Amino acid sequence: MTVDTKLPFDQEYILNYSKELGEPEWLKELRVLALQKAAELPMPKPDKTKIDKWNFTQFKDHAVAGTTLTDLRASGRS
């Protein structure tokens, strides 16, 4: 028996998400690469792994608020 899985987001979603957060180009590229790698990874073998309580579809939005980092050397702290 084969199980076909599809991730709940695609490259367009990742690009829009990264743009919305104002992320640097390197982080956007890292996210896209991670999405490609995730598509290539094999799923665990259900006959050897209990997955009945795993959450595959219900994810909370991941949004982190923070402050902008400053150069500690300019403020006299190091």
PDB file of N, CA and C in Angstrom:
ATOM      1  N   MET A   1       0.839  -1.175   0.000  1.00  0.00           N
ATOM      2  CA  MET A   1       0.000   0.000   0.000  1.00  0.00           C
ATOM      3  C   MET A   1       0.888   1.244   0.000  1.00  0.00           C
ATOM      4  N   THR A   2       0.579   2.184  -0.858  1.00  0.00           N
ATOM      5  CA  THR A   2       1.334   3.421  -0.957  1.00  0.00           C
ATOM      6  C   THR A   2       0.457   4.585  -0.522  1.00  0.00           C
ATOM      7  N   VAL A   3       1.047   5.477   0.241  1.00  0.00           N
ATOM      8  CA  VAL A   3       0.332   6.667   0.683  1.00  0.00           C
ATOM      9  C   VAL A   3       0.965   7.875   0.011  1.00  0.00           C
ATOM     10  N   ASP A   4       0.160   8.621  -0.722  1.00  0.00           N
ATOM     11  CA  ASP A   4       0.658   9.822  -1.385  1.00  0.00           C
ATOM     12  C   ASP A   4       0.356  11.013  -0.486  1.00  0.00           C
ATOM     13  N   THR A   5       1.373  11.777  -0.163  1.00  0.00           N
ATOM     14  CA  THR A   5       1.177  12.942   0.702  1.00  0.00           C
ATOM     15  C   THR A   5       1.493  14.215  -0.076  1.00  0.00           C
ATOM     16  N   LYS A   6       0.822  15.276   0.307  1.00  0.00           N
ATOM     17  CA  LYS A   6       1.055  16.566  -0.323  1.00  0.00           C
ATOM     18  C   LYS A   6       1.181  17.595   0.782  1.00  0.00           C
ATOM     19  N   LEU A   7       2.238  18.390   0.739  1.00  0.00           N
ATOM     20  CA  LEU A   7       2.430  19.423   1.747  1.00  0.00           C
ATOM     21  C   LEU A   7       1.336  20.481   1.615  1.00  0.00           C
ATOM     22  N   PRO A   8       0.913  21.080   2.730  1.00  0.00           N
ATOM     23  CA  PRO A   8      -0.184  22.055   2.684  1.00  0.00           C
ATOM     24  C   PRO A   8       0.207  23.418   2.125  1.00  0.00           C
ATOM     25  N   PHE A   9       1.444  23.574   1.678  1.00  0.00           N
ATOM     26  CA  PHE A   9       1.885  24.838   1.087  1.00  0.00           C
ATOM     27  C   PHE A   9       2.839  24.546  -0.055  1.00  0.00           C
ATOM     28  N   ASP A  10       3.011  25.540  -0.913  1.00  0.00           N
ATOM     29  CA  ASP A  10       3.875  25.377  -2.069  1.00  0.00           C
ATOM     30  C   ASP A  10       4.897  26.509  -2.111  1.00  0.00           C
ATOM     31  N   GLN A  11       5.682  26.544  -3.169  1.00  0.00           N
ATOM     32  CA  GLN A  11       6.748  27.539  -3.267  1.00  0.00           C
ATOM     33  C   GLN A  11       6.179  28.960  -3.288  1.00  0.00           C
ATOM     34  N   GLU A  12       5.058  29.158  -3.947  1.00  0.00           N
ATOM     35  CA  GLU A  12       4.444  30.491  -3.997  1.00  0.00           C
ATOM     36  C   GLU A  12       4.064  30.964  -2.589  1.00  0.00           C
ATOM     37  N   TYR A  13       3.517  30.047  -1.797  1.00  0.00           N
ATOM     38  CA  TYR A  13       3.163  30.391  -0.412  1.00  0.00           C
ATOM     39  C   TYR A  13       4.413  30.795   0.375  1.00  0.00           C
ATOM     40  N   ILE A  14       5.487  30.030   0.234  1.00  0.00           N
ATOM     41  CA  ILE A  14       6.738  30.310   0.945  1.00  0.00           C
ATOM     42  C   ILE A  14       7.287  31.679   0.546  1.00  0.00           C
ATOM     43  N   LEU A  15       7.278  31.972  -0.760  1.00  0.00           N
ATOM     44  CA  LEU A  15       7.793  33.253  -1.228  1.00  0.00           C
ATOM     45  C   LEU A  15       6.961  34.420  -0.688  1.00  0.00           C
ATOM     46  N   ASN A  16       5.642  34.279  -0.698  1.00  0.00           N
ATOM     47  CA  ASN A  16       4.774  35.334  -0.166  1.00  0.00           C
ATOM     48  C   ASN A  16       4.961  35.504   1.333  1.00  0.00           C
ATOM     49  N   TYR A  17       5.090  34.398   2.043  1.00  0.00           N
ATOM     50  CA  TYR A  17       5.297  34.433   3.489  1.00  0.00           C
ATOM     51  C   TYR A  17       6.593  35.169   3.825  1.00  0.00           C
ATOM     52  N   SER A  18       7.655  34.831   3.118  1.00  0.00           N
ATOM     53  CA  SER A  18       8.949  35.456   3.357  1.00  0.00           C
ATOM     54  C   SER A  18       8.906  36.948   3.036  1.00  0.00           C
ATOM     55  N   LYS A  19       8.234  37.292   1.951  1.00  0.00           N
ATOM     56  CA  LYS A  19       8.115  38.698   1.562  1.00  0.00           C
ATOM     57  C   LYS A  19       7.306  39.478   2.603  1.00  0.00           C
ATOM     58  N   GLU A  20       6.229  38.885   3.077  1.00  0.00           N
ATOM     59  CA  GLU A  20       5.374  39.525   4.081  1.00  0.00           C
ATOM     60  C   GLU A  20       6.140  39.834   5.365  1.00  0.00           C
ATOM     61  N   LEU A  21       7.066  38.948   5.714  1.00  0.00           N
ATOM     62  CA  LEU A  21       7.852  39.151   6.929  1.00  0.00           C
ATOM     63  C   LEU A  21       9.080  40.021   6.693  1.00  0.00           C
ATOM     64  N   GLY A  22       9.345  40.363   5.432  1.00  0.00           N
ATOM     65  CA  GLY A  22      10.511  41.193   5.113  1.00  0.00           C
ATOM     66  C   GLY A  22      11.818  40.473   5.370  1.00  0.00           C
ATOM     67  N   GLU A  23      11.829  39.175   5.119  1.00  0.00           N
ATOM     68  CA  GLU A  23      13.035  38.382   5.388  1.00  0.00           C
ATOM     69  C   GLU A  23      14.112  38.647   4.345  1.00  0.00           C
ATOM     70  N   PRO A  24      15.370  38.459   4.720  1.00  0.00           N
ATOM     71  CA  PRO A  24      16.465  38.625   3.755  1.00  0.00           C
ATOM     72  C   PRO A  24      16.427  37.526   2.687  1.00  0.00           C
ATOM     73  N   GLU A  25      17.066  37.796   1.580  1.00  0.00           N
ATOM     74  CA  GLU A  25      17.068  36.877   0.436  1.00  0.00           C
ATOM     75  C   GLU A  25      17.606  35.492   0.819  1.00  0.00           C
ATOM     76  N   TRP A  26      18.663  35.445   1.627  1.00  0.00           N
ATOM     77  CA  TRP A  26      19.266  34.160   1.983  1.00  0.00           C
ATOM     78  C   TRP A  26      18.283  33.282   2.769  1.00  0.00           C
ATOM     79  N   LEU A  27      17.447  33.901   3.603  1.00  0.00           N
ATOM     80  CA  LEU A  27      16.488  33.120   4.378  1.00  0.00           C
ATOM     81  C   LEU A  27      15.366  32.609   3.482  1.00  0.00           C
ATOM     82  N   LYS A  28      14.931  33.449   2.543  1.00  0.00           N
ATOM     83  CA  LYS A  28      13.911  33.022   1.580  1.00  0.00           C
ATOM     84  C   LYS A  28      14.418  31.832   0.780  1.00  0.00           C
ATOM     85  N   GLU A  29      15.666  31.913   0.313  1.00  0.00           N
ATOM     86  CA  GLU A  29      16.239  30.813  -0.452  1.00  0.00           C
ATOM     87  C   GLU A  29      16.360  29.545   0.390  1.00  0.00           C
ATOM     88  N   LEU A  30      16.691  29.712   1.660  1.00  0.00           N
ATOM     89  CA  LEU A  30      16.794  28.567   2.562  1.00  0.00           C
ATOM     90  C   LEU A  30      15.431  27.900   2.755  1.00  0.00           C
ATOM     91  N   ARG A  31      14.386  28.703   2.884  1.00  0.00           N
ATOM     92  CA  ARG A  31      13.033  28.160   3.035  1.00  0.00           C
ATOM     93  C   ARG A  31      12.612  27.384   1.785  1.00  0.00           C
ATOM     94  N   VAL A  32      12.898  27.935   0.605  1.00  0.00           N
ATOM     95  CA  VAL A  32      12.538  27.260  -0.644  1.00  0.00           C
ATOM     96  C   VAL A  32      13.311  25.953  -0.767  1.00  0.00           C
ATOM     97  N   LEU A  33      14.586  25.968  -0.428  1.00  0.00           N
ATOM     98  CA  LEU A  33      15.389  24.747  -0.465  1.00  0.00           C
ATOM     99  C   LEU A  33      14.837  23.707   0.511  1.00  0.00           C
ATOM    100  N   ALA A  34      14.444  24.138   1.692  1.00  0.00           N
ATOM    101  CA  ALA A  34      13.874  23.217   2.683  1.00  0.00           C
ATOM    102  C   ALA A  34      12.577  22.597   2.163  1.00  0.00           C
ATOM    103  N   LEU A  35      11.766  23.388   1.475  1.00  0.00           N
ATOM    104  CA  LEU A  35      10.533  22.863   0.898  1.00  0.00           C
ATOM    105  C   LEU A  35      10.847  21.786  -0.145  1.00  0.00           C
ATOM    106  N   GLN A  36      11.842  22.039  -0.973  1.00  0.00           N
ATOM    107  CA  GLN A  36      12.232  21.048  -1.982  1.00  0.00           C
ATOM    108  C   GLN A  36      12.734  19.771  -1.313  1.00  0.00           C
ATOM    109  N   LYS A  37      13.540  19.921  -0.268  1.00  0.00           N
ATOM    110  CA  LYS A  37      14.069  18.747   0.439  1.00  0.00           C
ATOM    111  C   LYS A  37      12.947  17.973   1.126  1.00  0.00           C
ATOM    112  N   ALA A  38      11.974  18.701   1.693  1.00  0.00           N
ATOM    113  CA  ALA A  38      10.853  18.040   2.374  1.00  0.00           C
ATOM    114  C   ALA A  38      10.060  17.181   1.396  1.00  0.00           C
ATOM    115  N   ALA A  39       9.942  17.632   0.167  1.00  0.00           N
ATOM    116  CA  ALA A  39       9.209  16.864  -0.838  1.00  0.00           C
ATOM    117  C   ALA A  39       9.947  15.569  -1.201  1.00  0.00           C
ATOM    118  N   GLU A  40      11.256  15.558  -1.026  1.00  0.00           N
ATOM    119  CA  GLU A  40      12.058  14.390  -1.379  1.00  0.00           C
ATOM    120  C   GLU A  40      12.179  13.373  -0.245  1.00  0.00           C
ATOM    121  N   LEU A  41      11.929  13.803   0.987  1.00  0.00           N
ATOM    122  CA  LEU A  41      12.114  12.918   2.133  1.00  0.00           C
ATOM    123  C   LEU A  41      11.074  11.805   2.152  1.00  0.00           C
ATOM    124  N   PRO A  42      11.494  10.606   2.464  1.00  0.00           N
ATOM    125  CA  PRO A  42      10.523   9.519   2.572  1.00  0.00           C
ATOM    126  C   PRO A  42       9.731   9.639   3.876  1.00  0.00           C
ATOM    127  N   MET A  43       8.480   9.266   3.818  1.00  0.00           N
ATOM    128  CA  MET A  43       7.648   9.245   5.017  1.00  0.00           C
ATOM    129  C   MET A  43       8.048   8.043   5.875  1.00  0.00           C
ATOM    130  N   PRO A  44       7.806   8.130   7.184  1.00  0.00           N
ATOM    131  CA  PRO A  44       8.097   6.968   8.030  1.00  0.00           C
ATOM    132  C   PRO A  44       7.208   5.791   7.627  1.00  0.00           C
ATOM    133  N   LYS A  45       7.673   4.618   7.894  1.00  0.00           N
ATOM    134  CA  LYS A  45       6.905   3.425   7.560  1.00  0.00           C
ATOM    135  C   LYS A  45       5.826   3.226   8.625  1.00  0.00           C
ATOM    136  N   PRO A  46       4.553   3.356   8.236  1.00  0.00           N
ATOM    137  CA  PRO A  46       3.463   3.263   9.216  1.00  0.00           C
ATOM    138  C   PRO A  46       3.434   1.939   9.967  1.00  0.00           C
ATOM    139  N   ASP A  47       3.888   0.874   9.347  1.00  0.00           N
ATOM    140  CA  ASP A  47       3.863  -0.412  10.020  1.00  0.00           C
ATOM    141  C   ASP A  47       4.879  -0.472  11.161  1.00  0.00           C
ATOM    142  N   LYS A  48       5.842   0.447  11.196  1.00  0.00           N
ATOM    143  CA  LYS A  48       6.854   0.441  12.241  1.00  0.00           C
ATOM    144  C   LYS A  48       6.753   1.658  13.162  1.00  0.00           C
ATOM    145  N   THR A  49       5.907   2.609  12.820  1.00  0.00           N
ATOM    146  CA  THR A  49       5.798   3.839  13.589  1.00  0.00           C
ATOM    147  C   THR A  49       4.334   4.129  13.880  1.00  0.00           C
ATOM    148  N   LYS A  50       4.014   4.360  15.149  1.00  0.00           N
ATOM    149  CA  LYS A  50       2.635   4.708  15.499  1.00  0.00           C
ATOM    150  C   LYS A  50       2.419   6.186  15.187  1.00  0.00           C
ATOM    151  N   ILE A  51       1.599   6.453  14.172  1.00  0.00           N
ATOM    152  CA  ILE A  51       1.369   7.834  13.766  1.00  0.00           C
ATOM    153  C   ILE A  51      -0.086   8.249  13.951  1.00  0.00           C
ATOM    154  N   ASP A  52      -0.871   7.457  14.650  1.00  0.00           N
ATOM    155  CA  ASP A  52      -2.292   7.771  14.767  1.00  0.00           C
ATOM    156  C   ASP A  52      -2.564   9.064  15.533  1.00  0.00           C
ATOM    157  N   LYS A  53      -1.626   9.528  16.349  1.00  0.00           N
ATOM    158  CA  LYS A  53      -1.836  10.764  17.109  1.00  0.00           C
ATOM    159  C   LYS A  53      -1.010  11.932  16.577  1.00  0.00           C
ATOM    160  N   TRP A  54      -0.349  11.741  15.462  1.00  0.00           N
ATOM    161  CA  TRP A  54       0.437  12.820  14.870  1.00  0.00           C
ATOM    162  C   TRP A  54      -0.500  13.820  14.219  1.00  0.00           C
ATOM    163  N   ASN A  55      -0.141  15.080  14.290  1.00  0.00           N
ATOM    164  CA  ASN A  55      -0.911  16.141  13.672  1.00  0.00           C
ATOM    165  C   ASN A  55      -0.275  16.485  12.328  1.00  0.00           C
ATOM    166  N   PHE A  56      -0.918  16.081  11.252  1.00  0.00           N
ATOM    167  CA  PHE A  56      -0.367  16.327   9.917  1.00  0.00           C
ATOM    168  C   PHE A  56      -0.984  17.533   9.220  1.00  0.00           C
ATOM    169  N   THR A  57      -2.097  18.038   9.709  1.00  0.00           N
ATOM    170  CA  THR A  57      -2.807  19.070   8.954  1.00  0.00           C
ATOM    171  C   THR A  57      -3.179  20.317   9.740  1.00  0.00           C
ATOM    172  N   GLN A  58      -3.296  20.248  11.031  1.00  0.00           N
ATOM    173  CA  GLN A  58      -3.765  21.390  11.816  1.00  0.00           C
ATOM    174  C   GLN A  58      -2.586  22.124  12.451  1.00  0.00           C
ATOM    175  N   PHE A  59      -2.104  23.165  11.757  1.00  0.00           N
ATOM    176  CA  PHE A  59      -0.973  23.927  12.249  1.00  0.00           C
ATOM    177  C   PHE A  59      -1.418  25.334  12.606  1.00  0.00           C
ATOM    178  N   LYS A  60      -0.897  25.851  13.672  1.00  0.00           N
ATOM    179  CA  LYS A  60      -1.152  27.241  14.020  1.00  0.00           C
ATOM    180  C   LYS A  60      -0.243  28.118  13.180  1.00  0.00           C
ATOM    181  N   ASP A  61      -0.685  29.339  12.924  1.00  0.00           N
ATOM    182  CA  ASP A  61       0.172  30.271  12.198  1.00  0.00           C
ATOM    183  C   ASP A  61       1.421  30.533  13.025  1.00  0.00           C
ATOM    184  N   HIS A  62       2.529  30.560  12.349  1.00  0.00           N
ATOM    185  CA  HIS A  62       3.796  30.809  13.034  1.00  0.00           C
ATOM    186  C   HIS A  62       4.215  32.242  12.760  1.00  0.00           C
ATOM    187  N   ALA A  63       4.002  33.095  13.729  1.00  0.00           N
ATOM    188  CA  ALA A  63       4.404  34.495  13.592  1.00  0.00           C
ATOM    189  C   ALA A  63       5.148  34.885  14.862  1.00  0.00           C
ATOM    190  N   VAL A  64       6.324  35.417  14.687  1.00  0.00           N
ATOM    191  CA  VAL A  64       7.150  35.799  15.819  1.00  0.00           C
ATOM    192  C   VAL A  64       7.399  37.296  15.754  1.00  0.00           C
ATOM    193  N   ALA A  65       7.059  37.980  16.814  1.00  0.00           N
ATOM    194  CA  ALA A  65       7.333  39.413  16.884  1.00  0.00           C
ATOM    195  C   ALA A  65       8.638  39.606  17.637  1.00  0.00           C
ATOM    196  N   GLY A  66       9.392  40.583  17.245  1.00  0.00           N
ATOM    197  CA  GLY A  66      10.667  40.819  17.914  1.00  0.00           C
ATOM    198  C   GLY A  66      11.157  42.219  17.644  1.00  0.00           C
ATOM    199  N   THR A  67      12.309  42.502  18.172  1.00  0.00           N
ATOM    200  CA  THR A  67      12.910  43.811  17.960  1.00  0.00           C
ATOM    201  C   THR A  67      14.076  43.667  17.000  1.00  0.00           C
ATOM    202  N   THR A  68      14.440  44.759  16.385  1.00  0.00           N
ATOM    203  CA  THR A  68      15.550  44.764  15.449  1.00  0.00           C
ATOM    204  C   THR A  68      16.866  44.714  16.210  1.00  0.00           C
ATOM    205  N   LEU A  69      17.757  43.846  15.763  1.00  0.00           N
ATOM    206  CA  LEU A  69      19.072  43.753  16.394  1.00  0.00           C
ATOM    207  C   LEU A  69      19.900  44.969  16.022  1.00  0.00           C
ATOM    208  N   THR A  70      20.676  45.433  16.966  1.00  0.00           N
ATOM    209  CA  THR A  70      21.571  46.552  16.698  1.00  0.00           C
ATOM    210  C   THR A  70      23.004  46.097  16.924  1.00  0.00           C
ATOM    211  N   ASP A  71      23.909  46.855  16.421  1.00  0.00           N
ATOM    212  CA  ASP A  71      25.318  46.540  16.576  1.00  0.00           C
ATOM    213  C   ASP A  71      25.729  46.865  18.013  1.00  0.00           C
ATOM    214  N   LEU A  72      26.087  45.849  18.794  1.00  0.00           N
ATOM    215  CA  LEU A  72      26.444  46.057  20.196  1.00  0.00           C
ATOM    216  C   LEU A  72      27.720  46.876  20.342  1.00  0.00           C
ATOM    217  N   ARG A  73      28.592  46.822  19.372  1.00  0.00           N
ATOM    218  CA  ARG A  73      29.840  47.581  19.456  1.00  0.00           C
ATOM    219  C   ARG A  73      29.547  49.081  19.413  1.00  0.00           C
ATOM    220  N   ALA A  74      28.534  49.491  18.641  1.00  0.00           N
ATOM    221  CA  ALA A  74      28.213  50.921  18.526  1.00  0.00           C
ATOM    222  C   ALA A  74      27.600  51.461  19.820  1.00  0.00           C
ATOM    223  N   SER A  75      26.942  50.600  20.593  1.00  0.00           N
ATOM    224  CA  SER A  75      26.308  51.064  21.822  1.00  0.00           C
ATOM    225  C   SER A  75      27.243  51.007  23.023  1.00  0.00           C
ATOM    226  N   GLY A  76      28.456  50.493  22.821  1.00  0.00           N
ATOM    227  CA  GLY A  76      29.411  50.414  23.911  1.00  0.00           C
ATOM    228  C   GLY A  76      29.321  49.109  24.694  1.00  0.00           C
ATOM    229  N   ARG A  77      28.356  48.241  24.324  1.00  0.00           N
ATOM    230  CA  ARG A  77      28.233  46.938  24.977  1.00  0.00           C
ATOM    231  C   ARG A  77      28.826  45.881  24.069  1.00  0.00           C
ATOM    232  N   SER A  78      29.479  44.920  24.654  1.00  0.00           N
ATOM    233  CA  SER A  78      30.025  43.839  23.828  1.00  0.00           C
ATOM    234  C   SER A  78      30.044  42.555  24.589  1.00  0.00           C
TER     235      SER A  78
END
